[in-house]
Amino acid sequence: MASTTATSTFESISNTVSDAAKYVSESVQETISGASKEANKEVAKGNTDASLSERASAGFNAAGDKIDELSHGAKADAHKESAKN
């Protein structure tokens, strides 16, 4: 939390920069999870030469990637809001 717990201007700026860096990191991780999800979806659909077990595994992985994508998105939004304050 950038300004709600800061005791000095320097600490406030430091917290804001930290929150901004965390926002960027979570946004990148969200994008990576989304790309992985899409790749796994293509394998699961059978759009590759993957075996049936590989397709099933890709389907489960796509579901996990979607959860990760949503989680990173929520964290990024929280850090973005925190950096604004």
N, C-alpha and C. Protein backbone atom coordinates (compact mmCIF):
# COMPACT_ATOMS: atom_id res chain seq x y z
N MET A 1 0.84 -1.16 0.00
CA MET A 1 0.00 0.00 0.00
C MET A 1 0.89 1.23 0.00
N ALA A 2 0.77 1.97 -1.02
CA ALA A 2 1.71 3.06 -1.24
C ALA A 2 1.61 4.15 -0.19
N SER A 3 0.46 4.75 0.01
CA SER A 3 0.42 5.92 0.87
C SER A 3 -0.27 5.68 2.21
N THR A 4 -0.99 4.61 2.36
CA THR A 4 -1.77 4.42 3.59
C THR A 4 -0.90 4.03 4.78
N THR A 5 0.25 3.41 4.53
CA THR A 5 1.11 3.01 5.64
C THR A 5 2.44 3.75 5.65
N ALA A 6 2.69 4.60 4.70
CA ALA A 6 3.97 5.30 4.61
C ALA A 6 4.08 6.38 5.69
N THR A 7 5.28 6.47 6.25
CA THR A 7 5.53 7.47 7.29
C THR A 7 6.33 8.65 6.76
N SER A 8 6.83 8.56 5.54
CA SER A 8 7.58 9.66 4.95
C SER A 8 7.33 9.71 3.45
N THR A 9 7.70 10.82 2.85
CA THR A 9 7.54 10.96 1.40
C THR A 9 8.39 9.95 0.67
N PHE A 10 9.63 9.74 1.14
CA PHE A 10 10.51 8.77 0.51
C PHE A 10 9.92 7.37 0.58
N GLU A 11 9.39 7.02 1.73
CA GLU A 11 8.79 5.68 1.89
C GLU A 11 7.57 5.54 0.97
N SER A 12 6.80 6.60 0.83
CA SER A 12 5.63 6.58 -0.05
C SER A 12 6.05 6.37 -1.50
N ILE A 13 7.07 7.08 -1.92
CA ILE A 13 7.58 6.92 -3.29
C ILE A 13 8.14 5.53 -3.49
N SER A 14 8.88 5.04 -2.51
CA SER A 14 9.45 3.70 -2.59
C SER A 14 8.35 2.64 -2.70
N ASN A 15 7.29 2.80 -1.93
CA ASN A 15 6.17 1.85 -1.99
C ASN A 15 5.47 1.92 -3.34
N THR A 16 5.31 3.11 -3.87
CA THR A 16 4.66 3.27 -5.17
C THR A 16 5.47 2.60 -6.27
N VAL A 17 6.78 2.79 -6.24
CA VAL A 17 7.65 2.17 -7.24
C VAL A 17 7.60 0.64 -7.10
N SER A 18 7.61 0.17 -5.87
CA SER A 18 7.53 -1.27 -5.63
C SER A 18 6.22 -1.85 -6.15
N ASP A 19 5.11 -1.16 -5.87
CA ASP A 19 3.81 -1.62 -6.36
C ASP A 19 3.76 -1.60 -7.88
N ALA A 20 4.35 -0.60 -8.50
CA ALA A 20 4.36 -0.51 -9.96
C ALA A 20 5.16 -1.66 -10.56
N ALA A 21 6.30 -2.00 -9.95
CA ALA A 21 7.12 -3.12 -10.42
C ALA A 21 6.36 -4.44 -10.27
N LYS A 22 5.66 -4.59 -9.16
CA LYS A 22 4.87 -5.81 -8.95
C LYS A 22 3.74 -5.90 -9.97
N TYR A 23 3.14 -4.76 -10.29
CA TYR A 23 2.08 -4.71 -11.31
C TYR A 23 2.62 -5.20 -12.65
N VAL A 24 3.77 -4.71 -13.05
CA VAL A 24 4.37 -5.11 -14.32
C VAL A 24 4.68 -6.61 -14.31
N SER A 25 5.25 -7.09 -13.23
CA SER A 25 5.58 -8.50 -13.11
C SER A 25 4.34 -9.38 -13.22
N GLU A 26 3.30 -9.04 -12.51
CA GLU A 26 2.07 -9.83 -12.54
C GLU A 26 1.41 -9.75 -13.91
N SER A 27 1.49 -8.60 -14.57
CA SER A 27 0.92 -8.46 -15.90
C SER A 27 1.64 -9.35 -16.91
N VAL A 28 2.96 -9.41 -16.79
CA VAL A 28 3.76 -10.28 -17.68
C VAL A 28 3.39 -11.75 -17.41
N GLN A 29 3.30 -12.12 -16.14
CA GLN A 29 2.95 -13.50 -15.81
C GLN A 29 1.54 -13.85 -16.30
N GLU A 30 0.63 -12.88 -16.24
CA GLU A 30 -0.73 -13.09 -16.75
C GLU A 30 -0.68 -13.37 -18.25
N THR A 31 0.11 -12.61 -18.98
CA THR A 31 0.24 -12.78 -20.43
C THR A 31 0.85 -14.14 -20.77
N ILE A 32 1.87 -14.53 -20.03
CA ILE A 32 2.53 -15.82 -20.26
C ILE A 32 1.55 -16.97 -20.00
N SER A 33 0.79 -16.87 -18.91
CA SER A 33 -0.19 -17.91 -18.60
C SER A 33 -1.26 -17.99 -19.68
N GLY A 34 -1.67 -16.85 -20.19
CA GLY A 34 -2.66 -16.82 -21.27
C GLY A 34 -2.15 -17.48 -22.54
N ALA A 35 -0.89 -17.22 -22.88
CA ALA A 35 -0.30 -17.82 -24.07
C ALA A 35 -0.16 -19.33 -23.90
N SER A 36 0.25 -19.75 -22.72
CA SER A 36 0.37 -21.18 -22.44
C SER A 36 -0.99 -21.86 -22.51
N LYS A 37 -2.00 -21.19 -21.97
CA LYS A 37 -3.37 -21.73 -22.01
C LYS A 37 -3.81 -21.96 -23.46
N GLU A 38 -3.58 -20.97 -24.30
CA GLU A 38 -3.99 -21.08 -25.70
C GLU A 38 -3.24 -22.20 -26.41
N ALA A 39 -1.96 -22.34 -26.15
CA ALA A 39 -1.18 -23.42 -26.76
C ALA A 39 -1.71 -24.78 -26.30
N ASN A 40 -1.99 -24.90 -25.01
CA ASN A 40 -2.52 -26.16 -24.50
C ASN A 40 -3.90 -26.46 -25.06
N LYS A 41 -4.71 -25.44 -25.26
CA LYS A 41 -6.04 -25.63 -25.85
C LYS A 41 -5.93 -26.20 -27.26
N GLU A 42 -4.97 -25.71 -28.03
CA GLU A 42 -4.79 -26.21 -29.39
C GLU A 42 -4.39 -27.68 -29.38
N VAL A 43 -3.52 -28.06 -28.46
CA VAL A 43 -3.11 -29.47 -28.35
C VAL A 43 -4.32 -30.31 -27.92
N ALA A 44 -5.07 -29.83 -26.95
CA ALA A 44 -6.23 -30.56 -26.45
C ALA A 44 -7.29 -30.74 -27.52
N LYS A 45 -7.45 -29.77 -28.40
CA LYS A 45 -8.45 -29.86 -29.47
C LYS A 45 -8.05 -30.87 -30.55
N GLY A 46 -6.78 -31.26 -30.55
CA GLY A 46 -6.33 -32.21 -31.56
C GLY A 46 -5.75 -31.55 -32.78
N ASN A 47 -5.36 -30.31 -32.67
CA ASN A 47 -4.79 -29.58 -33.80
C ASN A 47 -3.29 -29.83 -33.96
N THR A 48 -2.80 -30.86 -33.31
CA THR A 48 -1.39 -31.26 -33.44
C THR A 48 -1.35 -32.79 -33.59
N ASP A 49 -0.16 -33.34 -33.66
CA ASP A 49 0.00 -34.80 -33.77
C ASP A 49 0.08 -35.46 -32.40
N ALA A 50 -0.42 -34.82 -31.38
CA ALA A 50 -0.32 -35.33 -30.01
C ALA A 50 -1.20 -36.56 -29.82
N SER A 51 -0.72 -37.45 -28.94
CA SER A 51 -1.49 -38.65 -28.61
C SER A 51 -2.69 -38.27 -27.75
N LEU A 52 -3.59 -39.23 -27.54
CA LEU A 52 -4.77 -38.98 -26.74
C LEU A 52 -4.40 -38.59 -25.31
N SER A 53 -3.40 -39.25 -24.73
CA SER A 53 -2.99 -38.91 -23.36
C SER A 53 -2.36 -37.53 -23.30
N GLU A 54 -1.61 -37.16 -24.33
CA GLU A 54 -1.03 -35.81 -24.37
C GLU A 54 -2.12 -34.76 -24.52
N ARG A 55 -3.16 -35.08 -25.28
CA ARG A 55 -4.28 -34.15 -25.45
C ARG A 55 -5.02 -33.96 -24.13
N ALA A 56 -5.24 -35.06 -23.41
CA ALA A 56 -5.92 -34.97 -22.11
C ALA A 56 -5.09 -34.16 -21.13
N SER A 57 -3.80 -34.40 -21.11
CA SER A 57 -2.90 -33.66 -20.22
C SER A 57 -2.91 -32.18 -20.58
N ALA A 58 -2.92 -31.87 -21.86
CA ALA A 58 -2.95 -30.47 -22.30
C ALA A 58 -4.25 -29.80 -21.87
N GLY A 59 -5.33 -30.54 -21.87
CA GLY A 59 -6.61 -29.99 -21.41
C GLY A 59 -6.56 -29.61 -19.94
N PHE A 60 -5.99 -30.49 -19.13
CA PHE A 60 -5.83 -30.17 -17.70
C PHE A 60 -4.88 -29.00 -17.50
N ASN A 61 -3.80 -28.99 -18.27
CA ASN A 61 -2.85 -27.87 -18.17
C ASN A 61 -3.48 -26.55 -18.58
N ALA A 62 -4.34 -26.57 -19.60
CA ALA A 62 -5.02 -25.35 -20.03
C ALA A 62 -5.91 -24.81 -18.91
N ALA A 63 -6.58 -25.72 -18.21
CA ALA A 63 -7.43 -25.29 -17.09
C ALA A 63 -6.58 -24.66 -15.98
N GLY A 64 -5.44 -25.27 -15.68
CA GLY A 64 -4.54 -24.71 -14.67
C GLY A 64 -3.99 -23.36 -15.10
N ASP A 65 -3.66 -23.24 -16.39
CA ASP A 65 -3.15 -21.97 -16.91
C ASP A 65 -4.21 -20.87 -16.81
N LYS A 66 -5.48 -21.22 -17.02
CA LYS A 66 -6.55 -20.25 -16.91
C LYS A 66 -6.66 -19.74 -15.48
N ILE A 67 -6.54 -20.65 -14.51
CA ILE A 67 -6.57 -20.26 -13.10
C ILE A 67 -5.40 -19.32 -12.80
N ASP A 68 -4.21 -19.67 -13.29
CA ASP A 68 -3.03 -18.82 -13.09
C ASP A 68 -3.23 -17.45 -13.73
N GLU A 69 -3.79 -17.45 -14.94
CA GLU A 69 -4.02 -16.20 -15.66
C GLU A 69 -4.95 -15.28 -14.85
N LEU A 70 -6.03 -15.84 -14.33
CA LEU A 70 -6.97 -15.04 -13.53
C LEU A 70 -6.32 -14.54 -12.24
N SER A 71 -5.53 -15.40 -11.62
CA SER A 71 -4.86 -15.04 -10.37
C SER A 71 -3.88 -13.89 -10.58
N HIS A 72 -3.06 -14.01 -11.62
CA HIS A 72 -2.08 -12.96 -11.91
C HIS A 72 -2.78 -11.66 -12.30
N GLY A 73 -3.89 -11.77 -13.02
CA GLY A 73 -4.64 -10.57 -13.39
C GLY A 73 -5.19 -9.85 -12.18
N ALA A 74 -5.72 -10.62 -11.22
CA ALA A 74 -6.27 -10.01 -10.00
C ALA A 74 -5.15 -9.35 -9.18
N LYS A 75 -4.01 -10.03 -9.09
CA LYS A 75 -2.89 -9.46 -8.34
C LYS A 75 -2.38 -8.19 -9.02
N ALA A 76 -2.31 -8.21 -10.35
CA ALA A 76 -1.85 -7.02 -11.09
C ALA A 76 -2.78 -5.85 -10.83
N ASP A 77 -4.09 -6.11 -10.86
CA ASP A 77 -5.05 -5.04 -10.60
C ASP A 77 -4.89 -4.48 -9.19
N ALA A 78 -4.66 -5.35 -8.23
CA ALA A 78 -4.48 -4.90 -6.84
C ALA A 78 -3.24 -4.03 -6.71
N HIS A 79 -2.13 -4.45 -7.35
CA HIS A 79 -0.89 -3.65 -7.28
C HIS A 79 -1.06 -2.32 -8.01
N LYS A 80 -1.82 -2.34 -9.10
CA LYS A 80 -2.05 -1.10 -9.85
C LYS A 80 -2.83 -0.11 -8.99
N GLU A 81 -3.87 -0.58 -8.32
CA GLU A 81 -4.66 0.28 -7.44
C GLU A 81 -3.82 0.80 -6.26
N SER A 82 -3.00 -0.07 -5.72
CA SER A 82 -2.15 0.32 -4.60
C SER A 82 -1.13 1.39 -5.01
N ALA A 83 -0.62 1.26 -6.23
CA ALA A 83 0.36 2.25 -6.71
C ALA A 83 -0.27 3.61 -6.94
N LYS A 84 -1.57 3.63 -7.22
CA LYS A 84 -2.26 4.91 -7.45
C LYS A 84 -2.42 5.71 -6.16
N ASN A 85 -2.48 5.03 -5.04
CA ASN A 85 -2.77 5.72 -3.76
C ASN A 85 -1.55 6.31 -3.15
